[in-house]
PDB file of N, CA and C in Angstrom:
ATOM      1  N   MET A   1     159.245  62.290 143.154  1.00  0.00           N
ATOM      2  CA  MET A   1     159.073  62.977 144.399  1.00  0.00           C
ATOM      3  C   MET A   1     158.586  61.988 145.455  1.00  0.00           C
ATOM      4  N   LYS A   2     159.078  62.153 146.653  1.00  0.00           N
ATOM      5  CA  LYS A   2     158.701  61.271 147.745  1.00  0.00           C
ATOM      6  C   LYS A   2     157.225  61.480 148.089  1.00  0.00           C
ATOM      7  N   LYS A   3     156.549  60.381 148.366  1.00  0.00           N
ATOM      8  CA  LYS A   3     155.133  60.421 148.722  1.00  0.00           C
ATOM      9  C   LYS A   3     154.977  60.098 150.198  1.00  0.00           C
ATOM     10  N   ARG A   4     153.925  60.639 150.799  1.00  0.00           N
ATOM     11  CA  ARG A   4     153.614  60.377 152.194  1.00  0.00           C
ATOM     12  C   ARG A   4     152.152  59.966 152.292  1.00  0.00           C
ATOM     13  N   ARG A   5     151.883  58.935 153.031  1.00  0.00           N
ATOM     14  CA  ARG A   5     150.519  58.437 153.187  1.00  0.00           C
ATOM     15  C   ARG A   5     149.802  59.261 154.250  1.00  0.00           C
ATOM     16  N   ILE A   6     148.620  59.771 153.886  1.00  0.00           N
ATOM     17  CA  ILE A   6     147.778  60.499 154.827  1.00  0.00           C
ATOM     18  C   ILE A   6     146.336  60.028 154.642  1.00  0.00           C
ATOM     19  N   THR A   7     145.485  60.421 155.541  1.00  0.00           N
ATOM     20  CA  THR A   7     144.072  60.104 155.433  1.00  0.00           C
ATOM     21  C   THR A   7     143.298  61.388 155.165  1.00  0.00           C
ATOM     22  N   LEU A   8     142.424  61.344 154.165  1.00  0.00           N
ATOM     23  CA  LEU A   8     141.556  62.475 153.852  1.00  0.00           C
ATOM     24  C   LEU A   8     140.111  62.030 153.942  1.00  0.00           C
ATOM     25  N   ASN A   9     139.276  62.893 154.434  1.00  0.00           N
ATOM     26  CA  ASN A   9     137.837  62.655 154.408  1.00  0.00           C
ATOM     27  C   ASN A   9     137.256  63.585 153.359  1.00  0.00           C
ATOM     28  N   LEU A  10     136.734  63.005 152.287  1.00  0.00           N
ATOM     29  CA  LEU A  10     136.195  63.779 151.179  1.00  0.00           C
ATOM     30  C   LEU A  10     134.710  63.499 151.031  1.00  0.00           C
ATOM     31  N   SER A  11     133.999  64.477 150.504  1.00  0.00           N
ATOM     32  CA  SER A  11     132.572  64.273 150.274  1.00  0.00           C
ATOM     33  C   SER A  11     132.376  63.205 149.202  1.00  0.00           C
ATOM     34  N   GLU A  12     131.229  62.578 149.248  1.00  0.00           N
ATOM     35  CA  GLU A  12     130.905  61.518 148.292  1.00  0.00           C
ATOM     36  C   GLU A  12     130.978  62.040 146.853  1.00  0.00           C
ATOM     37  N   ASP A  13     130.494  63.261 146.627  1.00  0.00           N
ATOM     38  CA  ASP A  13     130.533  63.844 145.279  1.00  0.00           C
ATOM     39  C   ASP A  13     131.958  64.013 144.771  1.00  0.00           C
ATOM     40  N   VAL A  14     132.842  64.471 145.653  1.00  0.00           N
ATOM     41  CA  VAL A  14     134.238  64.647 145.251  1.00  0.00           C
ATOM     42  C   VAL A  14     134.871  63.297 144.944  1.00  0.00           C
ATOM     43  N   CYS A  15     134.614  62.307 145.778  1.00  0.00           N
ATOM     44  CA  CYS A  15     135.151  60.962 145.534  1.00  0.00           C
ATOM     45  C   CYS A  15     134.658  60.413 144.201  1.00  0.00           C
ATOM     46  N   ASN A  16     133.382  60.563 143.932  1.00  0.00           N
ATOM     47  CA  ASN A  16     132.825  60.086 142.666  1.00  0.00           C
ATOM     48  C   ASN A  16     133.456  60.789 141.478  1.00  0.00           C
ATOM     49  N   ALA A  17     133.654  62.085 141.593  1.00  0.00           N
ATOM     50  CA  ALA A  17     134.276  62.838 140.498  1.00  0.00           C
ATOM     51  C   ALA A  17     135.723  62.399 140.285  1.00  0.00           C
ATOM     52  N   LEU A  18     136.460  62.203 141.374  1.00  0.00           N
ATOM     53  CA  LEU A  18     137.840  61.749 141.254  1.00  0.00           C
ATOM     54  C   LEU A  18     137.912  60.360 140.632  1.00  0.00           C
ATOM     55  N   GLU A  19     137.047  59.466 141.069  1.00  0.00           N
ATOM     56  CA  GLU A  19     137.023  58.115 140.509  1.00  0.00           C
ATOM     57  C   GLU A  19     136.584  58.126 139.053  1.00  0.00           C
ATOM     58  N   GLY A  20     135.751  59.091 138.684  1.00  0.00           N
ATOM     59  CA  GLY A  20     135.253  59.188 137.315  1.00  0.00           C
ATOM     60  C   GLY A  20     136.292  59.620 136.307  1.00  0.00           C
ATOM     61  N   VAL A  21     137.403  60.155 136.780  1.00  0.00           N
ATOM     62  CA  VAL A  21     138.471  60.558 135.864  1.00  0.00           C
ATOM     63  C   VAL A  21     138.984  59.344 135.107  1.00  0.00           C
ATOM     64  N   GLY A  22     139.054  58.224 135.787  1.00  0.00           N
ATOM     65  CA  GLY A  22     139.387  56.951 135.149  1.00  0.00           C
ATOM     66  C   GLY A  22     140.837  56.778 134.765  1.00  0.00           C
ATOM     67  N   GLY A  23     141.274  55.536 134.781  1.00  0.00           N
ATOM     68  CA  GLY A  23     142.584  55.175 134.271  1.00  0.00           C
ATOM     69  C   GLY A  23     143.751  55.442 135.200  1.00  0.00           C
ATOM     70  N   ARG A  24     143.588  56.357 136.144  1.00  0.00           N
ATOM     71  CA  ARG A  24     144.686  56.670 137.057  1.00  0.00           C
ATOM     72  C   ARG A  24     144.227  56.431 138.482  1.00  0.00           C
ATOM     73  N   SER A  25     145.176  56.283 139.364  1.00  0.00           N
ATOM     74  CA  SER A  25     144.817  56.037 140.766  1.00  0.00           C
ATOM     75  C   SER A  25     144.190  57.279 141.369  1.00  0.00           C
ATOM     76  N   LEU A  26     143.347  57.044 142.349  1.00  0.00           N
ATOM     77  CA  LEU A  26     142.711  58.137 143.067  1.00  0.00           C
ATOM     78  C   LEU A  26     143.761  59.040 143.695  1.00  0.00           C
ATOM     79  N   SER A  27     144.832  58.462 144.196  1.00  0.00           N
ATOM     80  CA  SER A  27     145.903  59.252 144.816  1.00  0.00           C
ATOM     81  C   SER A  27     146.559  60.195 143.814  1.00  0.00           C
ATOM     82  N   VAL A  28     146.812  59.715 142.608  1.00  0.00           N
ATOM     83  CA  VAL A  28     147.449  60.549 141.584  1.00  0.00           C
ATOM     84  C   VAL A  28     146.537  61.707 141.203  1.00  0.00           C
ATOM     85  N   VAL A  29     145.265  61.414 140.974  1.00  0.00           N
ATOM     86  CA  VAL A  29     144.312  62.459 140.589  1.00  0.00           C
ATOM     87  C   VAL A  29     144.177  63.496 141.704  1.00  0.00           C
ATOM     88  N   ALA A  30     144.039  63.032 142.957  1.00  0.00           N
ATOM     89  CA  ALA A  30     143.908  63.952 144.080  1.00  0.00           C
ATOM     90  C   ALA A  30     145.181  64.781 144.259  1.00  0.00           C
ATOM     91  N   ASP A  31     146.348  64.164 144.132  1.00  0.00           N
ATOM     92  CA  ASP A  31     147.621  64.869 144.265  1.00  0.00           C
ATOM     93  C   ASP A  31     147.738  65.969 143.217  1.00  0.00           C
ATOM     94  N   GLU A  32     147.408  65.652 141.977  1.00  0.00           N
ATOM     95  CA  GLU A  32     147.486  66.647 140.905  1.00  0.00           C
ATOM     96  C   GLU A  32     146.489  67.789 141.131  1.00  0.00           C
ATOM     97  N   ALA A  33     145.270  67.450 141.561  1.00  0.00           N
ATOM     98  CA  ALA A  33     144.251  68.477 141.794  1.00  0.00           C
ATOM     99  C   ALA A  33     144.650  69.405 142.940  1.00  0.00           C
ATOM    100  N   LEU A  34     145.174  68.823 144.010  1.00  0.00           N
ATOM    101  CA  LEU A  34     145.607  69.639 145.141  1.00  0.00           C
ATOM    102  C   LEU A  34     146.808  70.512 144.771  1.00  0.00           C
ATOM    103  N   ALA A  35     147.748  69.965 144.025  1.00  0.00           N
ATOM    104  CA  ALA A  35     148.908  70.748 143.597  1.00  0.00           C
ATOM    105  C   ALA A  35     148.470  71.932 142.743  1.00  0.00           C
ATOM    106  N   GLU A  36     147.525  71.695 141.837  1.00  0.00           N
ATOM    107  CA  GLU A  36     147.006  72.776 140.987  1.00  0.00           C
ATOM    108  C   GLU A  36     146.283  73.832 141.823  1.00  0.00           C
ATOM    109  N   ALA A  37     145.462  73.398 142.772  1.00  0.00           N
ATOM    110  CA  ALA A  37     144.731  74.334 143.628  1.00  0.00           C
ATOM    111  C   ALA A  37     145.690  75.165 144.483  1.00  0.00           C
ATOM    112  N   LEU A  38     146.733  74.532 145.011  1.00  0.00           N
ATOM    113  CA  LEU A  38     147.697  75.258 145.832  1.00  0.00           C
ATOM    114  C   LEU A  38     148.509  76.247 145.003  1.00  0.00           C
ATOM    115  N   ALA A  39     148.863  75.872 143.783  1.00  0.00           N
ATOM    116  CA  ALA A  39     149.581  76.790 142.897  1.00  0.00           C
ATOM    117  C   ALA A  39     148.701  77.991 142.553  1.00  0.00           C
ATOM    118  N   SER A  40     147.419  77.734 142.317  1.00  0.00           N
ATOM    119  CA  SER A  40     146.480  78.816 142.022  1.00  0.00           C
ATOM    120  C   SER A  40     146.350  79.754 143.215  1.00  0.00           C
ATOM    121  N   ARG A  41     146.274  79.184 144.407  1.00  0.00           N
ATOM    122  CA  ARG A  41     146.164  80.005 145.621  1.00  0.00           C
ATOM    123  C   ARG A  41     147.414  80.850 145.811  1.00  0.00           C
ATOM    124  N   ALA A  42     148.595  80.263 145.586  1.00  0.00           N
ATOM    125  CA  ALA A  42     149.850  81.005 145.730  1.00  0.00           C
ATOM    126  C   ALA A  42     149.919  82.145 144.715  1.00  0.00           C
ATOM    127  N   HIS A  43     149.454  81.884 143.494  1.00  0.00           N
ATOM    128  CA  HIS A  43     149.443  82.919 142.458  1.00  0.00           C
ATOM    129  C   HIS A  43     148.511  84.059 142.865  1.00  0.00           C
ATOM    130  N   ARG A  44     147.329  83.709 143.361  1.00  0.00           N
ATOM    131  CA  ARG A  44     146.358  84.731 143.790  1.00  0.00           C
ATOM    132  C   ARG A  44     146.922  85.561 144.945  1.00  0.00           C
ATOM    133  N   THR A  45     147.594  84.910 145.895  1.00  0.00           N
ATOM    134  CA  THR A  45     148.192  85.620 147.020  1.00  0.00           C
ATOM    135  C   THR A  45     149.262  86.589 146.533  1.00  0.00           C
ATOM    136  N   ALA A  46     150.090  86.140 145.596  1.00  0.00           N
ATOM    137  CA  ALA A  46     151.132  87.016 145.034  1.00  0.00           C
ATOM    138  C   ALA A  46     150.498  88.191 144.294  1.00  0.00           C
ATOM    139  N   LEU A  47     149.438  87.931 143.540  1.00  0.00           N
ATOM    140  CA  LEU A  47     148.758  88.997 142.810  1.00  0.00           C
ATOM    141  C   LEU A  47     148.159  90.019 143.766  1.00  0.00           C
ATOM    142  N   LEU A  48     147.515  89.549 144.830  1.00  0.00           N
ATOM    143  CA  LEU A  48     146.944  90.473 145.814  1.00  0.00           C
ATOM    144  C   LEU A  48     148.027  91.305 146.482  1.00  0.00           C
ATOM    145  N   GLY A  49     149.179  90.693 146.755  1.00  0.00           N
ATOM    146  CA  GLY A  49     150.303  91.437 147.318  1.00  0.00           C
ATOM    147  C   GLY A  49     150.787  92.524 146.372  1.00  0.00           C
ATOM    148  N   TRP A  50     150.861  92.200 145.090  1.00  0.00           N
ATOM    149  CA  TRP A  50     151.292  93.174 144.089  1.00  0.00           C
ATOM    150  C   TRP A  50     150.280  94.307 143.990  1.00  0.00           C
ATOM    151  N   LEU A  51     148.991  93.971 144.021  1.00  0.00           N
ATOM    152  CA  LEU A  51     147.960  95.006 143.976  1.00  0.00           C
ATOM    153  C   LEU A  51     148.023  95.908 145.206  1.00  0.00           C
ATOM    154  N   ASP A  52     148.327  95.328 146.362  1.00  0.00           N
ATOM    155  CA  ASP A  52     148.510  96.134 147.573  1.00  0.00           C
ATOM    156  C   ASP A  52     149.671  97.111 147.405  1.00  0.00           C
ATOM    157  N   GLU A  53     150.763  96.635 146.792  1.00  0.00           N
ATOM    158  CA  GLU A  53     151.908  97.519 146.536  1.00  0.00           C
ATOM    159  C   GLU A  53     151.510  98.660 145.603  1.00  0.00           C
ATOM    160  N   LEU A  54     150.748  98.335 144.557  1.00  0.00           N
ATOM    161  CA  LEU A  54     150.292  99.380 143.629  1.00  0.00           C
ATOM    162  C   LEU A  54     149.382 100.376 144.338  1.00  0.00           C
ATOM    163  N   ASP A  55     148.487  99.877 145.191  1.00  0.00           N
ATOM    164  CA  ASP A  55     147.614 100.765 145.964  1.00  0.00           C
ATOM    165  C   ASP A  55     148.437 101.700 146.843  1.00  0.00           C
ATOM    166  N   ALA A  56     149.472 101.156 147.490  1.00  0.00           N
ATOM    167  CA  ALA A  56     150.316 101.961 148.371  1.00  0.00           C
ATOM    168  C   ALA A  56     151.074 103.027 147.588  1.00  0.00           C
ATOM    169  N   GLU A  57     151.498 102.669 146.391  1.00  0.00           N
ATOM    170  CA  GLU A  57     152.288 103.600 145.577  1.00  0.00           C
ATOM    171  C   GLU A  57     151.432 104.614 144.836  1.00  0.00           C
ATOM    172  N   HIS A  58     150.274 104.169 144.319  1.00  0.00           N
ATOM    173  CA  HIS A  58     149.469 105.028 143.434  1.00  0.00           C
ATOM    174  C   HIS A  58     148.090 105.367 143.987  1.00  0.00           C
ATOM    175  N   GLY A  59     147.722 104.782 145.118  1.00  0.00           N
ATOM    176  CA  GLY A  59     146.380 104.975 145.662  1.00  0.00           C
ATOM    177  C   GLY A  59     145.455 103.895 145.122  1.00  0.00           C
ATOM    178  N   ALA A  60     144.398 103.645 145.869  1.00  0.00           N
ATOM    179  CA  ALA A  60     143.436 102.608 145.481  1.00  0.00           C
ATOM    180  C   ALA A  60     142.656 103.043 144.246  1.00  0.00           C
ATOM    181  N   ALA A  61     142.236 102.061 143.466  1.00  0.00           N
ATOM    182  CA  ALA A  61     141.416 102.340 142.283  1.00  0.00           C
ATOM    183  C   ALA A  61     140.045 102.839 142.719  1.00  0.00           C
ATOM    184  N   ASP A  62     139.464 103.721 141.918  1.00  0.00           N
ATOM    185  CA  ASP A  62     138.139 104.236 142.254  1.00  0.00           C
ATOM    186  C   ASP A  62     137.060 103.227 141.847  1.00  0.00           C
ATOM    187  N   ALA A  63     135.851 103.465 142.287  1.00  0.00           N
ATOM    188  CA  ALA A  63     134.740 102.541 142.052  1.00  0.00           C
ATOM    189  C   ALA A  63     134.497 102.315 140.564  1.00  0.00           C
ATOM    190  N   HIS A  64     134.637 103.339 139.751  1.00  0.00           N
ATOM    191  CA  HIS A  64     134.412 103.207 138.299  1.00  0.00           C
ATOM    192  C   HIS A  64     135.442 102.258 137.680  1.00  0.00           C
ATOM    193  N   THR A  65     136.696 102.403 138.051  1.00  0.00           N
ATOM    194  CA  THR A  65     137.756 101.545 137.526  1.00  0.00           C
ATOM    195  C   THR A  65     137.541 100.098 137.959  1.00  0.00           C
ATOM    196  N   LEU A  66     137.172  99.899 139.226  1.00  0.00           N
ATOM    197  CA  LEU A  66     136.906  98.544 139.716  1.00  0.00           C
ATOM    198  C   LEU A  66     135.716  97.911 138.993  1.00  0.00           C
ATOM    199  N   ALA A  67     134.672  98.705 138.725  1.00  0.00           N
ATOM    200  CA  ALA A  67     133.503  98.186 138.007  1.00  0.00           C
ATOM    201  C   ALA A  67     133.882  97.811 136.575  1.00  0.00           C
ATOM    202  N   ALA A  68     134.737  98.611 135.939  1.00  0.00           N
ATOM    203  CA  ALA A  68     135.178  98.300 134.581  1.00  0.00           C
ATOM    204  C   ALA A  68     136.002  97.012 134.564  1.00  0.00           C
ATOM    205  N   ALA A  69     136.880  96.831 135.549  1.00  0.00           N
ATOM    206  CA  ALA A  69     137.681  95.610 135.632  1.00  0.00           C
ATOM    207  C   ALA A  69     136.777  94.406 135.873  1.00  0.00           C
ATOM    208  N   ASP A  70     135.778  94.561 136.717  1.00  0.00           N
ATOM    209  CA  ASP A  70     134.836  93.485 136.997  1.00  0.00           C
ATOM    210  C   ASP A  70     134.068  93.097 135.738  1.00  0.00           C
ATOM    211  N   ALA A  71     133.683  94.089 134.946  1.00  0.00           N
ATOM    212  CA  ALA A  71     132.968  93.820 133.694  1.00  0.00           C
ATOM    213  C   ALA A  71     133.852  93.043 132.715  1.00  0.00           C
ATOM    214  N   LEU A  72     135.143  93.376 132.667  1.00  0.00           N
ATOM    215  CA  LEU A  72     136.074  92.643 131.807  1.00  0.00           C
ATOM    216  C   LEU A  72     136.197  91.186 132.245  1.00  0.00           C
ATOM    217  N   LEU A  73     136.269  90.962 133.548  1.00  0.00           N
ATOM    218  CA  LEU A  73     136.350  89.594 134.056  1.00  0.00           C
ATOM    219  C   LEU A  73     135.071  88.824 133.749  1.00  0.00           C
ATOM    220  N   ASP A  74     133.923  89.481 133.905  1.00  0.00           N
ATOM    221  CA  ASP A  74     132.649  88.836 133.574  1.00  0.00           C
ATOM    222  C   ASP A  74     132.611  88.463 132.100  1.00  0.00           C
ATOM    223  N   ALA A  75     133.056  89.369 131.236  1.00  0.00           N
ATOM    224  CA  ALA A  75     133.054  89.114 129.795  1.00  0.00           C
ATOM    225  C   ALA A  75     133.979  87.954 129.431  1.00  0.00           C
ATOM    226  N   ALA A  76     135.044  87.793 130.214  1.00  0.00           N
ATOM    227  CA  ALA A  76     135.995  86.710 129.966  1.00  0.00           C
ATOM    228  C   ALA A  76     135.537  85.402 130.615  1.00  0.00           C
ATOM    229  N   GLY A  77     134.413  85.454 131.333  1.00  0.00           N
ATOM    230  CA  GLY A  77     133.903  84.255 131.988  1.00  0.00           C
ATOM    231  C   GLY A  77     134.651  83.897 133.246  1.00  0.00           C
ATOM    232  N   LEU A  78     135.298  84.867 133.858  1.00  0.00           N
ATOM    233  CA  LEU A  78     136.060  84.636 135.081  1.00  0.00           C
ATOM    234  C   LEU A  78     135.288  85.158 136.280  1.00  0.00           C
ATOM    235  N   ASP A  79     135.665  84.680 137.459  1.00  0.00           N
ATOM    236  CA  ASP A  79     135.026  85.157 138.680  1.00  0.00           C
ATOM    237  C   ASP A  79     135.310  86.636 138.869  1.00  0.00           C
ATOM    238  N   SER A  80     134.362  87.310 139.474  1.00  0.00           N
ATOM    239  CA  SER A  80     134.575  88.711 139.817  1.00  0.00           C
ATOM    240  C   SER A  80     135.731  88.810 140.790  1.00  0.00           C
ATOM    241  N   PHE A  81     136.481  89.857 140.660  1.00  0.00           N
ATOM    242  CA  PHE A  81     137.632  90.065 141.506  1.00  0.00           C
ATOM    243  C   PHE A  81     137.299  91.165 142.503  1.00  0.00           C
ATOM    244  N   GLU A  82     137.268  90.825 143.771  1.00  0.00           N
ATOM    245  CA  GLU A  82     136.989  91.803 144.803  1.00  0.00           C
ATOM    246  C   GLU A  82     138.267  92.068 145.564  1.00  0.00           C
ATOM    247  N   HIS A  83     138.912  93.168 145.238  1.00  0.00           N
ATOM    248  CA  HIS A  83     140.156  93.539 145.919  1.00  0.00           C
ATOM    249  C   HIS A  83     139.799  94.031 147.308  1.00  0.00           C
ATOM    250  N   LYS A  84     140.599  93.663 148.284  1.00  0.00           N
ATOM    251  CA  LYS A  84     140.252  93.979 149.662  1.00  0.00           C
ATOM    252  C   LYS A  84     140.265  95.466 149.953  1.00  0.00           C
ATOM    253  N   HIS A  85     140.825  96.284 149.058  1.00  0.00           N
ATOM    254  CA  HIS A  85     140.855  97.730 149.264  1.00  0.00           C
ATOM    255  C   HIS A  85     139.889  98.428 148.317  1.00  0.00           C
ATOM    256  N   ALA A  86     138.883  97.718 147.843  1.00  0.00           N
ATOM    257  CA  ALA A  86     137.936  98.313 146.908  1.00  0.00           C
ATOM    258  C   ALA A  86     137.284  99.551 147.526  1.00  0.00           C
ATOM    259  N   ALA A  87     137.078 100.550 146.678  1.00  0.00           N
ATOM    260  CA  ALA A  87     136.467 101.803 147.151  1.00  0.00           C
ATOM    261  C   ALA A  87     134.997 101.617 147.435  1.00  0.00           C
TER     262      ALA A  87
END
């Protein structure tokens, strides 16, 4: 894939962590991390869109259902999910 040179200003902690990966260039590590973060964001956006469609078709989930889903995410060690249409 074609590469393009840009300038980024990163915090010292982020630079240290990227350099600590070792063995690969800082550009490669940063490129892979950004690609992963962008893919995750796109997935989350698609999921939120799908949840909006479900809300439109079936109505928003009630507070009890949202609390149960949140508990499942907590048990799985994942971040709490706050849907923008939460009751």
